[in-house]
Amino acid sequence: MDREVARHVIRASFRSFGELTDLLPLLKAQCDPEEYKVLAKMIASIGAEASLTLNKHVFAAFPGLEDEFQASIDKYGRIL
């Protein structure tokens, strides 16, 4: 994979987790507390897994890429 594809992978990873995170208010409003608790933990686990495996692998292969994404988060509050 080249650097541009690596950027695409990281963006997709963050977008996917963002989509799941966006579900939390709906789930909290529509599910009973125990079900919500289980689902929220599953969503958190998915985010942690992506960060610890996929993102870590891509960032290790492309030095400076993590800093590039962090700079975007610091400046805009999100990845552009």
PDB file of N, CA and C in Angstrom:
ATOM      1  N   MET A   1       0.859  -1.168   0.000  1.00  0.00           N
ATOM      2  CA  MET A   1       0.000   0.000   0.000  1.00  0.00           C
ATOM      3  C   MET A   1       0.902   1.227   0.000  1.00  0.00           C
ATOM      4  N   ASP A   2       0.453   2.262  -0.674  1.00  0.00           N
ATOM      5  CA  ASP A   2       1.207   3.508  -0.647  1.00  0.00           C
ATOM      6  C   ASP A   2       0.615   4.442   0.409  1.00  0.00           C
ATOM      7  N   ARG A   3       1.225   5.602   0.597  1.00  0.00           N
ATOM      8  CA  ARG A   3       0.830   6.541   1.649  1.00  0.00           C
ATOM      9  C   ARG A   3      -0.618   7.038   1.456  1.00  0.00           C
ATOM     10  N   GLU A   4      -1.027   7.264   0.233  1.00  0.00           N
ATOM     11  CA  GLU A   4      -2.389   7.744  -0.010  1.00  0.00           C
ATOM     12  C   GLU A   4      -3.421   6.683   0.354  1.00  0.00           C
ATOM     13  N   VAL A   5      -3.135   5.443   0.038  1.00  0.00           N
ATOM     14  CA  VAL A   5      -4.032   4.348   0.421  1.00  0.00           C
ATOM     15  C   VAL A   5      -4.055   4.231   1.953  1.00  0.00           C
ATOM     16  N   ALA A   6      -2.913   4.400   2.592  1.00  0.00           N
ATOM     17  CA  ALA A   6      -2.845   4.367   4.059  1.00  0.00           C
ATOM     18  C   ALA A   6      -3.743   5.456   4.658  1.00  0.00           C
ATOM     19  N   ARG A   7      -3.704   6.652   4.097  1.00  0.00           N
ATOM     20  CA  ARG A   7      -4.583   7.738   4.567  1.00  0.00           C
ATOM     21  C   ARG A   7      -6.056   7.325   4.426  1.00  0.00           C
ATOM     22  N   HIS A   8      -6.363   6.705   3.302  1.00  0.00           N
ATOM     23  CA  HIS A   8      -7.734   6.269   3.048  1.00  0.00           C
ATOM     24  C   HIS A   8      -8.173   5.229   4.093  1.00  0.00           C
ATOM     25  N   VAL A   9      -7.306   4.293   4.423  1.00  0.00           N
ATOM     26  CA  VAL A   9      -7.612   3.263   5.415  1.00  0.00           C
ATOM     27  C   VAL A   9      -7.889   3.908   6.779  1.00  0.00           C
ATOM     28  N   ILE A  10      -7.054   4.838   7.176  1.00  0.00           N
ATOM     29  CA  ILE A  10      -7.237   5.496   8.471  1.00  0.00           C
ATOM     30  C   ILE A  10      -8.539   6.295   8.489  1.00  0.00           C
ATOM     31  N   ARG A  11      -8.802   7.036   7.431  1.00  0.00           N
ATOM     32  CA  ARG A  11     -10.060   7.795   7.370  1.00  0.00           C
ATOM     33  C   ARG A  11     -11.272   6.855   7.470  1.00  0.00           C
ATOM     34  N   ALA A  12     -11.220   5.739   6.752  1.00  0.00           N
ATOM     35  CA  ALA A  12     -12.317   4.777   6.786  1.00  0.00           C
ATOM     36  C   ALA A  12     -12.483   4.193   8.186  1.00  0.00           C
ATOM     37  N   SER A  13     -11.390   3.911   8.843  1.00  0.00           N
ATOM     38  CA  SER A  13     -11.438   3.385  10.204  1.00  0.00           C
ATOM     39  C   SER A  13     -12.126   4.372  11.140  1.00  0.00           C
ATOM     40  N   PHE A  14     -11.716   5.634  11.073  1.00  0.00           N
ATOM     41  CA  PHE A  14     -12.323   6.652  11.927  1.00  0.00           C
ATOM     42  C   PHE A  14     -13.791   6.896  11.568  1.00  0.00           C
ATOM     43  N   ARG A  15     -14.100   6.912  10.277  1.00  0.00           N
ATOM     44  CA  ARG A  15     -15.492   7.104   9.851  1.00  0.00           C
ATOM     45  C   ARG A  15     -16.381   5.979  10.365  1.00  0.00           C
ATOM     46  N   SER A  16     -15.901   4.764  10.226  1.00  0.00           N
ATOM     47  CA  SER A  16     -16.682   3.602  10.667  1.00  0.00           C
ATOM     48  C   SER A  16     -16.965   3.669  12.161  1.00  0.00           C
ATOM     49  N   PHE A  17     -15.939   3.986  12.929  1.00  0.00           N
ATOM     50  CA  PHE A  17     -16.143   4.085  14.375  1.00  0.00           C
ATOM     51  C   PHE A  17     -17.050   5.263  14.705  1.00  0.00           C
ATOM     52  N   GLY A  18     -16.914   6.347  13.966  1.00  0.00           N
ATOM     53  CA  GLY A  18     -17.790   7.502  14.168  1.00  0.00           C
ATOM     54  C   GLY A  18     -19.248   7.161  13.933  1.00  0.00           C
ATOM     55  N   GLU A  19     -19.507   6.376  12.894  1.00  0.00           N
ATOM     56  CA  GLU A  19     -20.882   5.948  12.605  1.00  0.00           C
ATOM     57  C   GLU A  19     -21.452   5.150  13.770  1.00  0.00           C
ATOM     58  N   LEU A  20     -20.650   4.260  14.316  1.00  0.00           N
ATOM     59  CA  LEU A  20     -21.113   3.465  15.447  1.00  0.00           C
ATOM     60  C   LEU A  20     -21.319   4.337  16.686  1.00  0.00           C
ATOM     61  N   THR A  21     -20.409   5.243  16.929  1.00  0.00           N
ATOM     62  CA  THR A  21     -20.524   6.144  18.073  1.00  0.00           C
ATOM     63  C   THR A  21     -21.772   7.012  17.964  1.00  0.00           C
ATOM     64  N   ASP A  22     -22.097   7.415  16.750  1.00  0.00           N
ATOM     65  CA  ASP A  22     -23.299   8.230  16.534  1.00  0.00           C
ATOM     66  C   ASP A  22     -24.583   7.500  16.918  1.00  0.00           C
ATOM     67  N   LEU A  23     -24.522   6.185  16.976  1.00  0.00           N
ATOM     68  CA  LEU A  23     -25.692   5.398  17.370  1.00  0.00           C
ATOM     69  C   LEU A  23     -25.992   5.470  18.872  1.00  0.00           C
ATOM     70  N   LEU A  24     -25.004   5.842  19.667  1.00  0.00           N
ATOM     71  CA  LEU A  24     -25.163   5.750  21.115  1.00  0.00           C
ATOM     72  C   LEU A  24     -26.365   6.529  21.663  1.00  0.00           C
ATOM     73  N   PRO A  25     -26.593   7.793  21.267  1.00  0.00           N
ATOM     74  CA  PRO A  25     -27.777   8.482  21.805  1.00  0.00           C
ATOM     75  C   PRO A  25     -29.090   7.782  21.446  1.00  0.00           C
ATOM     76  N   LEU A  26     -29.195   7.284  20.232  1.00  0.00           N
ATOM     77  CA  LEU A  26     -30.392   6.556  19.815  1.00  0.00           C
ATOM     78  C   LEU A  26     -30.564   5.290  20.641  1.00  0.00           C
ATOM     79  N   LEU A  27     -29.486   4.544  20.786  1.00  0.00           N
ATOM     80  CA  LEU A  27     -29.551   3.311  21.558  1.00  0.00           C
ATOM     81  C   LEU A  27     -29.921   3.588  23.011  1.00  0.00           C
ATOM     82  N   LYS A  28     -29.361   4.633  23.563  1.00  0.00           N
ATOM     83  CA  LYS A  28     -29.664   4.979  24.954  1.00  0.00           C
ATOM     84  C   LYS A  28     -31.147   5.319  25.115  1.00  0.00           C
ATOM     85  N   ALA A  29     -31.690   6.000  24.132  1.00  0.00           N
ATOM     86  CA  ALA A  29     -33.102   6.396  24.203  1.00  0.00           C
ATOM     87  C   ALA A  29     -34.059   5.239  23.932  1.00  0.00           C
ATOM     88  N   GLN A  30     -33.632   4.265  23.127  1.00  0.00           N
ATOM     89  CA  GLN A  30     -34.539   3.218  22.676  1.00  0.00           C
ATOM     90  C   GLN A  30     -34.365   1.869  23.366  1.00  0.00           C
ATOM     91  N   CYS A  31     -33.258   1.682  24.035  1.00  0.00           N
ATOM     92  CA  CYS A  31     -32.987   0.377  24.656  1.00  0.00           C
ATOM     93  C   CYS A  31     -33.133   0.474  26.169  1.00  0.00           C
ATOM     94  N   ASP A  32     -33.390  -0.669  26.776  1.00  0.00           N
ATOM     95  CA  ASP A  32     -33.390  -0.658  28.240  1.00  0.00           C
ATOM     96  C   ASP A  32     -31.942  -0.488  28.704  1.00  0.00           C
ATOM     97  N   PRO A  33     -31.732  -0.024  29.937  1.00  0.00           N
ATOM     98  CA  PRO A  33     -30.372   0.294  30.400  1.00  0.00           C
ATOM     99  C   PRO A  33     -29.371  -0.847  30.288  1.00  0.00           C
ATOM    100  N   GLU A  34     -29.792  -2.056  30.573  1.00  0.00           N
ATOM    101  CA  GLU A  34     -28.859  -3.186  30.479  1.00  0.00           C
ATOM    102  C   GLU A  34     -28.459  -3.473  29.034  1.00  0.00           C
ATOM    103  N   GLU A  35     -29.414  -3.440  28.135  1.00  0.00           N
ATOM    104  CA  GLU A  35     -29.111  -3.661  26.722  1.00  0.00           C
ATOM    105  C   GLU A  35     -28.196  -2.564  26.199  1.00  0.00           C
ATOM    106  N   TYR A  36     -28.493  -1.327  26.571  1.00  0.00           N
ATOM    107  CA  TYR A  36     -27.641  -0.205  26.151  1.00  0.00           C
ATOM    108  C   TYR A  36     -26.212  -0.395  26.648  1.00  0.00           C
ATOM    109  N   LYS A  37     -26.076  -0.796  27.897  1.00  0.00           N
ATOM    110  CA  LYS A  37     -24.751  -1.002  28.481  1.00  0.00           C
ATOM    111  C   LYS A  37     -23.954  -2.032  27.678  1.00  0.00           C
ATOM    112  N   VAL A  38     -24.590  -3.125  27.307  1.00  0.00           N
ATOM    113  CA  VAL A  38     -23.935  -4.177  26.520  1.00  0.00           C
ATOM    114  C   VAL A  38     -23.527  -3.633  25.148  1.00  0.00           C
ATOM    115  N   LEU A  39     -24.451  -2.959  24.481  1.00  0.00           N
ATOM    116  CA  LEU A  39     -24.166  -2.424  23.142  1.00  0.00           C
ATOM    117  C   LEU A  39     -23.083  -1.354  23.177  1.00  0.00           C
ATOM    118  N   ALA A  40     -23.120  -0.490  24.170  1.00  0.00           N
ATOM    119  CA  ALA A  40     -22.097   0.560  24.287  1.00  0.00           C
ATOM    120  C   ALA A  40     -20.714  -0.049  24.496  1.00  0.00           C
ATOM    121  N   LYS A  41     -20.639  -1.098  25.295  1.00  0.00           N
ATOM    122  CA  LYS A  41     -19.353  -1.782  25.500  1.00  0.00           C
ATOM    123  C   LYS A  41     -18.867  -2.428  24.208  1.00  0.00           C
ATOM    124  N   MET A  42     -19.775  -2.999  23.442  1.00  0.00           N
ATOM    125  CA  MET A  42     -19.395  -3.601  22.157  1.00  0.00           C
ATOM    126  C   MET A  42     -18.839  -2.542  21.208  1.00  0.00           C
ATOM    127  N   ILE A  43     -19.504  -1.401  21.152  1.00  0.00           N
ATOM    128  CA  ILE A  43     -19.042  -0.320  20.271  1.00  0.00           C
ATOM    129  C   ILE A  43     -17.673   0.169  20.722  1.00  0.00           C
ATOM    130  N   ALA A  44     -17.477   0.338  22.014  1.00  0.00           N
ATOM    131  CA  ALA A  44     -16.165   0.758  22.532  1.00  0.00           C
ATOM    132  C   ALA A  44     -15.095  -0.272  22.192  1.00  0.00           C
ATOM    133  N   SER A  45     -15.447  -1.534  22.286  1.00  0.00           N
ATOM    134  CA  SER A  45     -14.502  -2.608  21.974  1.00  0.00           C
ATOM    135  C   SER A  45     -14.084  -2.575  20.507  1.00  0.00           C
ATOM    136  N   ILE A  46     -15.034  -2.310  19.637  1.00  0.00           N
ATOM    137  CA  ILE A  46     -14.728  -2.214  18.206  1.00  0.00           C
ATOM    138  C   ILE A  46     -13.743  -1.077  17.956  1.00  0.00           C
ATOM    139  N   GLY A  47     -13.974   0.066  18.577  1.00  0.00           N
ATOM    140  CA  GLY A  47     -13.064   1.200  18.413  1.00  0.00           C
ATOM    141  C   GLY A  47     -11.680   0.901  18.930  1.00  0.00           C
ATOM    142  N   ALA A  48     -11.610   0.246  20.073  1.00  0.00           N
ATOM    143  CA  ALA A  48     -10.310  -0.104  20.643  1.00  0.00           C
ATOM    144  C   ALA A  48      -9.572  -1.095  19.746  1.00  0.00           C
ATOM    145  N   GLU A  49     -10.299  -2.066  19.232  1.00  0.00           N
ATOM    146  CA  GLU A  49      -9.685  -3.067  18.357  1.00  0.00           C
ATOM    147  C   GLU A  49      -9.130  -2.434  17.089  1.00  0.00           C
ATOM    148  N   ALA A  50      -9.900  -1.535  16.480  1.00  0.00           N
ATOM    149  CA  ALA A  50      -9.434  -0.858  15.270  1.00  0.00           C
ATOM    150  C   ALA A  50      -8.184  -0.043  15.571  1.00  0.00           C
ATOM    151  N   SER A  51      -8.202   0.650  16.682  1.00  0.00           N
ATOM    152  CA  SER A  51      -7.067   1.490  17.044  1.00  0.00           C
ATOM    153  C   SER A  51      -5.824   0.655  17.335  1.00  0.00           C
ATOM    154  N   LEU A  52      -6.008  -0.439  18.043  1.00  0.00           N
ATOM    155  CA  LEU A  52      -4.863  -1.250  18.453  1.00  0.00           C
ATOM    156  C   LEU A  52      -4.317  -2.141  17.343  1.00  0.00           C
ATOM    157  N   THR A  53      -5.101  -2.417  16.339  1.00  0.00           N
ATOM    158  CA  THR A  53      -4.625  -3.318  15.285  1.00  0.00           C
ATOM    159  C   THR A  53      -4.447  -2.589  13.958  1.00  0.00           C
ATOM    160  N   LEU A  54      -5.531  -2.266  13.325  1.00  0.00           N
ATOM    161  CA  LEU A  54      -5.472  -1.666  11.988  1.00  0.00           C
ATOM    162  C   LEU A  54      -4.728  -0.334  11.984  1.00  0.00           C
ATOM    163  N   ASN A  55      -5.171   0.609  12.802  1.00  0.00           N
ATOM    164  CA  ASN A  55      -4.536   1.929  12.800  1.00  0.00           C
ATOM    165  C   ASN A  55      -3.075   1.844  13.213  1.00  0.00           C
ATOM    166  N   LYS A  56      -2.799   1.075  14.242  1.00  0.00           N
ATOM    167  CA  LYS A  56      -1.415   0.930  14.712  1.00  0.00           C
ATOM    168  C   LYS A  56      -0.522   0.372  13.602  1.00  0.00           C
ATOM    169  N   HIS A  57      -1.009  -0.613  12.896  1.00  0.00           N
ATOM    170  CA  HIS A  57      -0.252  -1.221  11.790  1.00  0.00           C
ATOM    171  C   HIS A  57       0.040  -0.187  10.694  1.00  0.00           C
ATOM    172  N   VAL A  58      -0.981   0.557  10.304  1.00  0.00           N
ATOM    173  CA  VAL A  58      -0.811   1.542   9.235  1.00  0.00           C
ATOM    174  C   VAL A  58       0.125   2.663   9.688  1.00  0.00           C
ATOM    175  N   PHE A  59      -0.071   3.164  10.896  1.00  0.00           N
ATOM    176  CA  PHE A  59       0.791   4.240  11.388  1.00  0.00           C
ATOM    177  C   PHE A  59       2.246   3.782  11.506  1.00  0.00           C
ATOM    178  N   ALA A  60       2.464   2.535  11.889  1.00  0.00           N
ATOM    179  CA  ALA A  60       3.835   2.018  11.993  1.00  0.00           C
ATOM    180  C   ALA A  60       4.504   1.942  10.621  1.00  0.00           C
ATOM    181  N   ALA A  61       3.731   1.643   9.607  1.00  0.00           N
ATOM    182  CA  ALA A  61       4.281   1.505   8.252  1.00  0.00           C
ATOM    183  C   ALA A  61       4.580   2.857   7.599  1.00  0.00           C
ATOM    184  N   PHE A  62       3.935   3.920   8.101  1.00  0.00           N
ATOM    185  CA  PHE A  62       4.087   5.239   7.482  1.00  0.00           C
ATOM    186  C   PHE A  62       4.406   6.286   8.546  1.00  0.00           C
ATOM    187  N   PRO A  63       5.693   6.406   8.873  1.00  0.00           N
ATOM    188  CA  PRO A  63       6.095   7.386   9.888  1.00  0.00           C
ATOM    189  C   PRO A  63       5.588   8.794   9.537  1.00  0.00           C
ATOM    190  N   GLY A  64       5.107   9.477  10.547  1.00  0.00           N
ATOM    191  CA  GLY A  64       4.608  10.828  10.360  1.00  0.00           C
ATOM    192  C   GLY A  64       3.128  10.902  10.058  1.00  0.00           C
ATOM    193  N   LEU A  65       2.541   9.802   9.624  1.00  0.00           N
ATOM    194  CA  LEU A  65       1.127   9.804   9.266  1.00  0.00           C
ATOM    195  C   LEU A  65       0.240  10.025  10.492  1.00  0.00           C
ATOM    196  N   GLU A  66       0.597   9.405  11.600  1.00  0.00           N
ATOM    197  CA  GLU A  66      -0.188   9.596  12.819  1.00  0.00           C
ATOM    198  C   GLU A  66      -0.162  11.070  13.237  1.00  0.00           C
ATOM    199  N   ASP A  67       1.003  11.700  13.143  1.00  0.00           N
ATOM    200  CA  ASP A  67       1.106  13.122  13.482  1.00  0.00           C
ATOM    201  C   ASP A  67       0.250  13.977  12.555  1.00  0.00           C
ATOM    202  N   GLU A  68       0.196  13.605  11.294  1.00  0.00           N
ATOM    203  CA  GLU A  68      -0.627  14.319  10.312  1.00  0.00           C
ATOM    204  C   GLU A  68      -2.105  14.272  10.707  1.00  0.00           C
ATOM    205  N   PHE A  69      -2.570  13.092  11.091  1.00  0.00           N
ATOM    206  CA  PHE A  69      -3.966  12.957  11.499  1.00  0.00           C
ATOM    207  C   PHE A  69      -4.221  13.659  12.823  1.00  0.00           C
ATOM    208  N   GLN A  70      -3.279  13.563  13.746  1.00  0.00           N
ATOM    209  CA  GLN A  70      -3.439  14.235  15.030  1.00  0.00           C
ATOM    210  C   GLN A  70      -3.501  15.746  14.849  1.00  0.00           C
ATOM    211  N   ALA A  71      -2.712  16.282  13.929  1.00  0.00           N
ATOM    212  CA  ALA A  71      -2.736  17.723  13.650  1.00  0.00           C
ATOM    213  C   ALA A  71      -4.117  18.150  13.138  1.00  0.00           C
ATOM    214  N   SER A  72      -4.724  17.330  12.306  1.00  0.00           N
ATOM    215  CA  SER A  72      -6.065  17.623  11.805  1.00  0.00           C
ATOM    216  C   SER A  72      -7.078  17.620  12.948  1.00  0.00           C
ATOM    217  N   ILE A  73      -6.963  16.652  13.836  1.00  0.00           N
ATOM    218  CA  ILE A  73      -7.868  16.580  14.987  1.00  0.00           C
ATOM    219  C   ILE A  73      -7.665  17.794  15.891  1.00  0.00           C
ATOM    220  N   ASP A  74      -6.421  18.141  16.138  1.00  0.00           N
ATOM    221  CA  ASP A  74      -6.123  19.288  16.998  1.00  0.00           C
ATOM    222  C   ASP A  74      -6.657  20.591  16.411  1.00  0.00           C
ATOM    223  N   LYS A  75      -6.530  20.747  15.110  1.00  0.00           N
ATOM    224  CA  LYS A  75      -6.934  21.992  14.459  1.00  0.00           C
ATOM    225  C   LYS A  75      -8.433  22.078  14.223  1.00  0.00           C
ATOM    226  N   TYR A  76      -9.026  20.996  13.757  1.00  0.00           N
ATOM    227  CA  TYR A  76     -10.431  21.032  13.324  1.00  0.00           C
ATOM    228  C   TYR A  76     -11.378  20.238  14.228  1.00  0.00           C
ATOM    229  N   GLY A  77     -10.828  19.496  15.171  1.00  0.00           N
ATOM    230  CA  GLY A  77     -11.673  18.674  16.029  1.00  0.00           C
ATOM    231  C   GLY A  77     -12.109  17.376  15.392  1.00  0.00           C
ATOM    232  N   ARG A  78     -11.563  17.109  14.216  1.00  0.00           N
ATOM    233  CA  ARG A  78     -11.902  15.876  13.489  1.00  0.00           C
ATOM    234  C   ARG A  78     -10.870  15.660  12.387  1.00  0.00           C
ATOM    235  N   ILE A  79     -10.974  14.524  11.741  1.00  0.00           N
ATOM    236  CA  ILE A  79     -10.087  14.208  10.620  1.00  0.00           C
ATOM    237  C   ILE A  79     -10.742  14.715   9.345  1.00  0.00           C
ATOM    238  N   LEU A  80      -9.973  15.436   8.564  1.00  0.00           N
ATOM    239  CA  LEU A  80     -10.491  15.918   7.275  1.00  0.00           C
ATOM    240  C   LEU A  80     -10.109  14.971   6.170  1.00  0.00           C
TER     241      LEU A  80
END
